[in-house]
N, C-alpha and C. Protein backbone atom coordinates (compact mmCIF):
# COMPACT_ATOMS: atom_id res chain seq x y z
N GLN A 1 -17.96 114.80 -80.88
CA GLN A 1 -18.09 116.17 -81.14
C GLN A 1 -16.84 116.83 -80.63
N VAL A 2 -16.21 117.58 -81.59
CA VAL A 2 -14.96 118.35 -81.26
C VAL A 2 -15.32 119.71 -80.75
N GLN A 3 -14.81 120.10 -79.58
CA GLN A 3 -15.09 121.38 -79.10
C GLN A 3 -13.73 122.12 -78.75
N LEU A 4 -13.69 123.39 -79.07
CA LEU A 4 -12.57 124.20 -78.80
C LEU A 4 -12.93 125.42 -77.90
N VAL A 5 -12.21 125.67 -76.79
CA VAL A 5 -12.52 126.75 -75.97
C VAL A 5 -11.28 127.58 -75.78
N GLU A 6 -11.34 128.86 -76.23
CA GLU A 6 -10.25 129.72 -76.06
C GLU A 6 -10.35 130.57 -74.75
N SER A 7 -9.25 131.02 -74.23
CA SER A 7 -9.25 131.87 -73.05
C SER A 7 -7.98 132.64 -73.13
N GLY A 8 -7.93 133.73 -72.26
CA GLY A 8 -6.66 134.46 -72.08
C GLY A 8 -6.71 135.89 -72.77
N GLY A 9 -7.75 136.13 -73.50
CA GLY A 9 -7.84 137.53 -74.07
C GLY A 9 -8.04 138.60 -72.97
N GLY A 10 -7.97 139.84 -73.43
CA GLY A 10 -8.19 140.88 -72.52
C GLY A 10 -7.70 142.18 -73.10
N LEU A 11 -7.57 143.15 -72.19
CA LEU A 11 -7.00 144.47 -72.55
C LEU A 11 -5.59 144.66 -72.09
N VAL A 12 -4.67 145.13 -73.01
CA VAL A 12 -3.27 145.16 -72.70
C VAL A 12 -2.80 146.50 -73.36
N GLN A 13 -1.77 147.12 -72.83
CA GLN A 13 -1.18 148.28 -73.40
C GLN A 13 -0.26 147.80 -74.53
N ALA A 14 0.04 148.74 -75.48
CA ALA A 14 0.96 148.42 -76.52
C ALA A 14 2.31 148.11 -75.92
N GLY A 15 2.91 147.12 -76.50
CA GLY A 15 4.27 146.62 -76.05
C GLY A 15 4.18 145.51 -75.02
N GLY A 16 2.87 145.26 -74.56
CA GLY A 16 2.63 144.24 -73.63
C GLY A 16 2.55 142.89 -74.21
N SER A 17 2.20 141.87 -73.31
CA SER A 17 2.05 140.45 -73.78
C SER A 17 0.83 139.79 -73.25
N LEU A 18 0.35 138.84 -73.94
CA LEU A 18 -0.80 137.98 -73.59
C LEU A 18 -0.50 136.55 -74.01
N ARG A 19 -1.00 135.60 -73.27
CA ARG A 19 -0.95 134.16 -73.77
C ARG A 19 -2.38 133.67 -73.84
N LEU A 20 -2.69 133.27 -75.03
CA LEU A 20 -4.01 132.68 -75.28
C LEU A 20 -3.92 131.14 -75.17
N SER A 21 -4.97 130.54 -74.66
CA SER A 21 -5.03 129.06 -74.56
C SER A 21 -6.25 128.53 -75.37
N CYS A 22 -6.13 127.35 -75.83
CA CYS A 22 -7.26 126.71 -76.52
C CYS A 22 -7.29 125.25 -76.12
N VAL A 23 -8.31 124.95 -75.38
CA VAL A 23 -8.45 123.53 -74.99
C VAL A 23 -9.32 122.85 -75.95
N VAL A 24 -8.87 121.64 -76.48
CA VAL A 24 -9.59 120.87 -77.42
C VAL A 24 -10.11 119.61 -76.78
N SER A 25 -11.40 119.41 -76.86
CA SER A 25 -12.00 118.15 -76.43
C SER A 25 -12.56 117.39 -77.56
N GLY A 26 -12.61 116.04 -77.45
CA GLY A 26 -13.16 115.18 -78.53
C GLY A 26 -12.16 115.04 -79.60
N ARG A 27 -10.80 115.02 -79.27
CA ARG A 27 -9.76 114.89 -80.30
C ARG A 27 -9.92 113.56 -80.98
N THR A 28 -9.58 113.62 -82.34
CA THR A 28 -9.49 112.38 -83.14
C THR A 28 -8.22 112.29 -83.91
N PHE A 29 -7.94 111.26 -84.50
CA PHE A 29 -6.60 111.08 -85.25
C PHE A 29 -6.44 112.05 -86.23
N ASN A 30 -7.44 112.57 -86.88
CA ASN A 30 -7.30 113.50 -88.03
C ASN A 30 -7.20 114.94 -87.63
N GLN A 31 -7.00 115.28 -86.52
CA GLN A 31 -6.83 116.69 -85.99
C GLN A 31 -5.27 116.95 -86.04
N TYR A 32 -4.81 117.22 -87.24
CA TYR A 32 -3.37 117.29 -87.42
C TYR A 32 -2.84 118.69 -87.26
N GLY A 33 -3.56 119.75 -87.73
CA GLY A 33 -3.07 121.03 -87.73
C GLY A 33 -3.90 121.91 -86.72
N MET A 34 -3.23 122.54 -85.81
CA MET A 34 -3.94 123.46 -84.85
C MET A 34 -3.50 124.87 -85.24
N GLY A 35 -4.53 125.65 -85.63
CA GLY A 35 -4.28 127.03 -86.06
C GLY A 35 -4.79 128.08 -85.25
N TRP A 36 -4.22 129.27 -85.27
CA TRP A 36 -4.83 130.49 -84.67
C TRP A 36 -5.03 131.50 -85.79
N PHE A 37 -6.14 132.17 -85.68
CA PHE A 37 -6.60 133.14 -86.51
C PHE A 37 -7.10 134.31 -85.79
N ARG A 38 -7.28 135.48 -86.46
CA ARG A 38 -7.97 136.63 -85.80
C ARG A 38 -8.83 137.33 -86.82
N GLN A 39 -9.72 138.09 -86.33
CA GLN A 39 -10.68 138.89 -87.14
C GLN A 39 -11.02 140.17 -86.52
N ALA A 40 -10.63 141.28 -87.12
CA ALA A 40 -10.93 142.56 -86.69
C ALA A 40 -12.14 143.10 -87.37
N PRO A 41 -12.90 144.00 -86.78
CA PRO A 41 -14.13 144.45 -87.36
C PRO A 41 -13.97 144.94 -88.83
N GLY A 42 -14.82 144.46 -89.68
CA GLY A 42 -14.75 144.90 -91.05
C GLY A 42 -13.67 144.31 -91.88
N LYS A 43 -12.91 143.40 -91.32
CA LYS A 43 -11.89 142.73 -92.02
C LYS A 43 -12.06 141.22 -92.15
N GLU A 44 -11.42 140.49 -93.09
CA GLU A 44 -11.43 139.15 -93.29
C GLU A 44 -10.65 138.43 -92.11
N ARG A 45 -11.03 137.21 -91.92
CA ARG A 45 -10.31 136.39 -90.94
C ARG A 45 -8.87 136.16 -91.42
N GLU A 46 -7.94 136.43 -90.57
CA GLU A 46 -6.52 136.42 -90.82
C GLU A 46 -5.74 135.25 -90.19
N PHE A 47 -5.04 134.52 -90.94
CA PHE A 47 -4.15 133.47 -90.45
C PHE A 47 -3.00 134.05 -89.59
N LEU A 48 -2.66 133.44 -88.47
CA LEU A 48 -1.62 133.89 -87.64
C LEU A 48 -0.54 132.76 -87.51
N ALA A 49 -0.96 131.58 -87.12
CA ALA A 49 0.08 130.49 -86.91
C ALA A 49 -0.64 129.17 -86.91
N VAL A 50 0.19 128.16 -87.19
CA VAL A 50 -0.35 126.76 -87.27
C VAL A 50 0.81 125.84 -86.73
N SER A 51 0.38 124.86 -86.02
CA SER A 51 1.32 123.82 -85.52
C SER A 51 0.66 122.45 -85.54
N THR A 52 1.57 121.45 -85.73
CA THR A 52 1.11 120.08 -85.51
C THR A 52 1.11 119.75 -83.99
N TRP A 53 0.43 118.76 -83.60
CA TRP A 53 0.46 118.35 -82.06
C TRP A 53 1.78 117.97 -81.63
N SER A 54 2.50 117.13 -82.47
CA SER A 54 3.68 116.49 -81.90
C SER A 54 4.95 116.58 -82.71
N THR A 55 4.86 116.91 -84.00
CA THR A 55 5.99 116.86 -84.87
C THR A 55 6.83 118.17 -84.79
N GLY A 56 6.22 119.21 -84.25
CA GLY A 56 6.92 120.57 -84.07
C GLY A 56 6.93 121.38 -85.44
N ILE A 57 6.14 120.98 -86.46
CA ILE A 57 6.13 121.79 -87.59
C ILE A 57 5.21 123.01 -87.32
N ARG A 58 5.79 124.16 -87.56
CA ARG A 58 5.13 125.44 -87.31
C ARG A 58 5.27 126.42 -88.43
N THR A 59 4.14 127.17 -88.69
CA THR A 59 4.23 128.21 -89.69
C THR A 59 3.65 129.41 -89.19
N TYR A 60 4.14 130.54 -89.40
CA TYR A 60 3.63 131.89 -88.99
C TYR A 60 3.37 132.82 -90.11
N ALA A 61 2.45 133.73 -89.93
CA ALA A 61 2.14 134.78 -90.78
C ALA A 61 3.33 135.80 -90.64
N ASP A 62 3.63 136.46 -91.71
CA ASP A 62 4.67 137.51 -91.64
C ASP A 62 4.44 138.52 -90.67
N SER A 63 3.08 138.81 -90.50
CA SER A 63 2.74 140.04 -89.67
C SER A 63 3.01 139.71 -88.08
N VAL A 64 3.21 138.37 -87.78
CA VAL A 64 3.45 138.10 -86.39
C VAL A 64 4.66 137.32 -86.15
N GLN A 65 5.35 137.00 -87.24
CA GLN A 65 6.63 136.24 -87.09
C GLN A 65 7.63 137.03 -86.18
N GLY A 66 8.17 136.37 -85.19
CA GLY A 66 9.10 136.97 -84.27
C GLY A 66 8.36 137.65 -83.05
N ARG A 67 7.12 137.83 -83.05
CA ARG A 67 6.33 138.34 -81.95
C ARG A 67 5.43 137.34 -81.26
N PHE A 68 4.88 136.43 -82.10
CA PHE A 68 3.94 135.36 -81.57
C PHE A 68 4.61 134.04 -81.70
N THR A 69 4.23 133.21 -80.66
CA THR A 69 4.74 131.85 -80.68
C THR A 69 3.60 130.89 -80.46
N ILE A 70 3.42 129.88 -81.26
CA ILE A 70 2.50 128.88 -81.04
C ILE A 70 3.14 127.57 -80.44
N SER A 71 2.44 127.02 -79.51
CA SER A 71 2.98 125.77 -78.85
C SER A 71 1.78 124.91 -78.51
N THR A 72 2.15 123.53 -78.31
CA THR A 72 1.06 122.66 -78.01
C THR A 72 1.51 121.80 -76.74
N ASP A 73 0.48 121.28 -76.01
CA ASP A 73 0.60 120.43 -74.92
C ASP A 73 -0.28 119.32 -75.12
N SER A 74 0.20 118.19 -75.77
CA SER A 74 -0.74 117.11 -76.05
C SER A 74 -1.39 116.48 -74.81
N ALA A 75 -0.59 116.47 -73.76
CA ALA A 75 -1.06 115.87 -72.53
C ALA A 75 -2.34 116.64 -71.97
N LYS A 76 -2.35 117.87 -72.24
CA LYS A 76 -3.46 118.83 -71.72
C LYS A 76 -4.45 119.10 -72.92
N ASN A 77 -4.15 118.54 -74.07
CA ASN A 77 -5.01 118.88 -75.30
C ASN A 77 -5.19 120.43 -75.35
N THR A 78 -4.10 121.16 -75.22
CA THR A 78 -4.14 122.58 -75.23
C THR A 78 -3.15 123.13 -76.22
N VAL A 79 -3.61 124.17 -76.93
CA VAL A 79 -2.69 124.93 -77.76
C VAL A 79 -2.65 126.32 -77.29
N TYR A 80 -1.41 126.88 -77.38
CA TYR A 80 -1.21 128.22 -76.79
C TYR A 80 -0.75 129.18 -77.92
N LEU A 81 -0.98 130.39 -77.69
CA LEU A 81 -0.45 131.45 -78.56
C LEU A 81 0.19 132.53 -77.63
N GLN A 82 1.47 132.61 -77.55
CA GLN A 82 2.11 133.56 -76.81
C GLN A 82 2.34 134.77 -77.63
N MET A 83 1.75 135.94 -77.28
CA MET A 83 1.87 137.23 -78.03
C MET A 83 2.63 138.24 -77.30
N ASN A 84 3.78 138.73 -77.83
CA ASN A 84 4.68 139.66 -77.24
C ASN A 84 4.66 140.92 -78.15
N TYR A 85 5.13 142.03 -77.54
CA TYR A 85 5.18 143.25 -78.27
C TYR A 85 3.99 143.64 -79.05
N LEU A 86 2.83 143.55 -78.37
CA LEU A 86 1.57 143.77 -78.92
C LEU A 86 1.36 145.12 -79.45
N LYS A 87 0.66 145.41 -80.49
CA LYS A 87 0.44 146.65 -81.14
C LYS A 87 -1.15 146.91 -81.21
N PRO A 88 -1.45 148.14 -81.29
CA PRO A 88 -2.87 148.46 -81.40
C PRO A 88 -3.53 147.67 -82.55
N GLU A 89 -2.80 147.52 -83.68
CA GLU A 89 -3.37 146.82 -84.85
C GLU A 89 -3.56 145.30 -84.54
N ASP A 90 -3.08 144.78 -83.48
CA ASP A 90 -3.33 143.39 -83.09
C ASP A 90 -4.71 143.28 -82.52
N THR A 91 -5.44 144.31 -82.26
CA THR A 91 -6.82 144.26 -81.63
C THR A 91 -7.71 143.51 -82.58
N ALA A 92 -8.38 142.47 -82.07
CA ALA A 92 -9.21 141.62 -82.84
C ALA A 92 -9.78 140.49 -81.93
N VAL A 93 -10.72 139.78 -82.55
CA VAL A 93 -11.14 138.46 -81.92
C VAL A 93 -10.20 137.39 -82.36
N TYR A 94 -9.75 136.68 -81.47
CA TYR A 94 -8.79 135.60 -81.79
C TYR A 94 -9.47 134.20 -81.67
N TYR A 95 -9.21 133.39 -82.63
CA TYR A 95 -9.87 132.05 -82.79
C TYR A 95 -8.80 130.98 -82.89
N CYS A 96 -9.05 129.81 -82.27
CA CYS A 96 -8.28 128.63 -82.57
C CYS A 96 -9.18 127.70 -83.45
N ALA A 97 -8.49 126.88 -84.24
CA ALA A 97 -9.26 126.03 -85.07
C ALA A 97 -8.41 124.70 -85.29
N VAL A 98 -9.15 123.69 -85.85
CA VAL A 98 -8.56 122.34 -86.06
C VAL A 98 -8.72 122.05 -87.52
N ALA A 99 -7.62 121.56 -88.13
CA ALA A 99 -7.69 121.03 -89.54
C ALA A 99 -7.09 119.61 -89.58
N ALA A 100 -7.41 118.95 -90.72
CA ALA A 100 -6.79 117.64 -90.87
C ALA A 100 -5.44 117.62 -91.44
N PHE A 101 -4.93 118.86 -91.78
CA PHE A 101 -3.60 119.00 -92.35
C PHE A 101 -3.09 120.46 -92.07
N ILE A 102 -1.88 120.68 -92.33
CA ILE A 102 -1.29 122.07 -92.13
C ILE A 102 -1.82 122.94 -93.23
N SER A 103 -2.39 124.11 -92.76
CA SER A 103 -2.95 124.98 -93.76
C SER A 103 -2.92 126.49 -93.19
N THR A 104 -2.90 127.37 -94.03
CA THR A 104 -2.91 128.72 -93.68
C THR A 104 -4.30 129.35 -94.03
N HIS A 105 -5.21 128.52 -94.66
CA HIS A 105 -6.48 128.98 -95.19
C HIS A 105 -7.63 128.62 -94.26
N PRO A 106 -8.40 129.61 -93.85
CA PRO A 106 -9.49 129.34 -92.90
C PRO A 106 -10.44 128.29 -93.37
N THR A 107 -10.64 128.15 -94.66
CA THR A 107 -11.56 127.14 -95.22
C THR A 107 -11.10 125.75 -95.04
N SER A 108 -9.88 125.55 -94.75
CA SER A 108 -9.30 124.18 -94.38
C SER A 108 -9.74 123.69 -93.01
N TYR A 109 -10.23 124.56 -92.15
CA TYR A 109 -10.42 124.14 -90.79
C TYR A 109 -11.88 123.81 -90.58
N ALA A 110 -12.15 122.67 -90.00
CA ALA A 110 -13.47 122.19 -89.76
C ALA A 110 -14.07 122.64 -88.53
N TYR A 111 -13.22 122.81 -87.50
CA TYR A 111 -13.78 123.18 -86.11
C TYR A 111 -13.08 124.42 -85.65
N TRP A 112 -13.95 125.18 -85.00
CA TRP A 112 -13.57 126.54 -84.47
C TRP A 112 -13.99 126.79 -83.07
N GLY A 113 -13.20 127.56 -82.32
CA GLY A 113 -13.65 127.98 -81.00
C GLY A 113 -14.53 129.19 -81.14
N GLN A 114 -15.04 129.72 -80.04
CA GLN A 114 -15.92 130.82 -79.99
C GLN A 114 -15.23 132.10 -80.08
N GLY A 115 -13.93 132.17 -79.94
CA GLY A 115 -13.19 133.40 -80.01
C GLY A 115 -12.93 134.06 -78.69
N THR A 116 -11.85 134.74 -78.51
CA THR A 116 -11.57 135.58 -77.39
C THR A 116 -11.08 136.95 -77.77
N GLN A 117 -11.52 138.05 -77.21
CA GLN A 117 -11.30 139.40 -77.57
C GLN A 117 -9.91 139.77 -77.03
N VAL A 118 -9.10 140.29 -77.90
CA VAL A 118 -7.90 141.00 -77.45
C VAL A 118 -7.86 142.42 -77.92
N THR A 119 -7.63 143.32 -76.96
CA THR A 119 -7.68 144.72 -77.26
C THR A 119 -6.37 145.36 -76.83
N VAL A 120 -5.71 146.03 -77.69
CA VAL A 120 -4.40 146.59 -77.37
C VAL A 120 -4.53 148.15 -77.44
N SER A 121 -4.34 148.80 -76.33
CA SER A 121 -4.44 150.17 -76.28
C SER A 121 -3.10 150.94 -76.60
N ALA A 122 -3.29 152.13 -77.22
CA ALA A 122 -2.02 152.82 -77.58
C ALA A 122 -1.27 153.42 -76.39
């Protein structure tokens, strides 16, 4: 059973930074893509970034390119999302997820964490 647990969310002022963590347990060989998504109230789930565990292949959404950085630590089974220059419109519940391949589509991801709330005040 694959489990993902996010942490690191909270309240931050605009322009500030947060680092989200996602610990993955029950890893198997087919967990190739580690993605971060977010969902604001009344909106669809939005792709943010995806990375492989070890090859360094990374893709970002245009909305966060240059502000957010995804990284992985295979030894700790942990994926991070460093978020800088946060804006009020970044307020959402943030989720990490696992897919068998690199994808920007939520439907490609088989396992999801419970989410962590990020609130950015103006």
